[in-house]
Amino acid sequence: RVRYLHRYIYNREETARFDSDVGEYAAVTELGRPDAEYWNIQKNILEQKRAEVDTVCRHNYRVG
């Protein structure tokens, strides 16, 4: 099983993340809440991130 986790870090603190198991962005701090909410309403961004688990992660998993 392959999982894609994209973490957004500002000033050495994780503010938001995309987890392929969840399929959407989640705010980790209040600073990340506006970004996560915005990204979650952008359907093209969500589709792209959901596809990256297949196009990037699975390919690199087989290579490694």
Protein backbone atom coordinates (compact mmCIF):
# COMPACT_ATOMS: atom_id res chain seq x y z
CA ARG A 1 0.00 0.00 0.00
CA VAL A 2 1.33 3.42 -0.99
CA ARG A 3 0.47 6.61 0.87
CA TYR A 4 1.14 10.18 -0.26
CA LEU A 5 1.63 12.80 2.44
CA HIS A 6 2.42 16.40 1.47
CA ARG A 7 3.25 18.55 4.47
CA TYR A 8 3.33 22.36 4.39
CA ILE A 9 5.81 23.83 6.84
CA TYR A 10 6.23 27.46 7.80
CA ASN A 11 8.82 28.64 10.31
CA ARG A 12 9.64 25.00 11.23
CA GLU A 13 5.99 24.27 12.06
CA GLU A 14 3.61 22.12 10.04
CA THR A 15 0.58 24.22 9.12
CA ALA A 16 -1.36 22.00 6.70
CA ARG A 17 -1.11 18.63 4.99
CA PHE A 18 -2.57 16.56 2.21
CA ASP A 19 -2.97 12.87 3.04
CA SER A 20 -3.94 10.52 0.22
CA ASP A 21 -5.73 8.24 2.71
CA VAL A 22 -8.08 11.12 3.59
CA GLY A 23 -8.19 12.63 0.09
CA GLU A 24 -8.25 16.27 1.13
CA TYR A 25 -6.23 18.93 2.90
CA ALA A 26 -6.30 19.28 6.66
CA ALA A 27 -5.20 22.24 8.73
CA VAL A 28 -2.73 21.33 11.44
CA THR A 29 -2.63 24.84 12.93
CA GLU A 30 -4.88 27.88 12.72
CA LEU A 31 -2.36 29.43 10.33
CA GLY A 32 -3.00 26.59 7.87
CA ARG A 33 -6.79 26.69 8.09
CA PRO A 34 -7.42 29.32 5.35
CA ASP A 35 -5.09 27.51 2.94
CA ALA A 36 -6.62 24.09 3.61
CA GLU A 37 -10.15 25.44 3.19
CA TYR A 38 -9.22 27.17 -0.07
CA TRP A 39 -7.45 24.11 -1.50
CA ASN A 40 -10.37 21.85 -0.58
CA ILE A 41 -12.84 23.89 -2.63
CA GLN A 42 -10.53 23.87 -5.68
CA LYS A 43 -11.59 20.60 -7.32
CA ASN A 44 -8.75 20.67 -9.85
CA ILE A 45 -6.15 20.88 -7.06
CA LEU A 46 -7.75 17.97 -5.19
CA GLU A 47 -7.89 15.84 -8.34
CA GLN A 48 -4.23 16.56 -9.05
CA LYS A 49 -3.13 15.64 -5.52
CA ARG A 50 -5.23 12.47 -5.52
CA ALA A 51 -3.68 11.45 -8.84
CA GLU A 52 -0.12 12.04 -7.62
CA VAL A 53 -0.26 8.94 -5.44
CA ASP A 54 -0.60 6.89 -8.65
CA THR A 55 1.59 8.91 -11.01
CA VAL A 56 4.47 9.72 -8.67
CA CYS A 57 4.42 7.58 -5.55
CA ARG A 58 3.63 4.17 -7.03
CA HIS A 59 6.17 4.68 -9.82
CA ASN A 60 8.95 5.66 -7.41
CA TYR A 61 8.00 2.85 -5.03
CA ARG A 62 8.64 0.31 -7.79
CA VAL A 63 11.95 1.97 -8.73
CA GLY A 64 13.27 1.93 -5.13
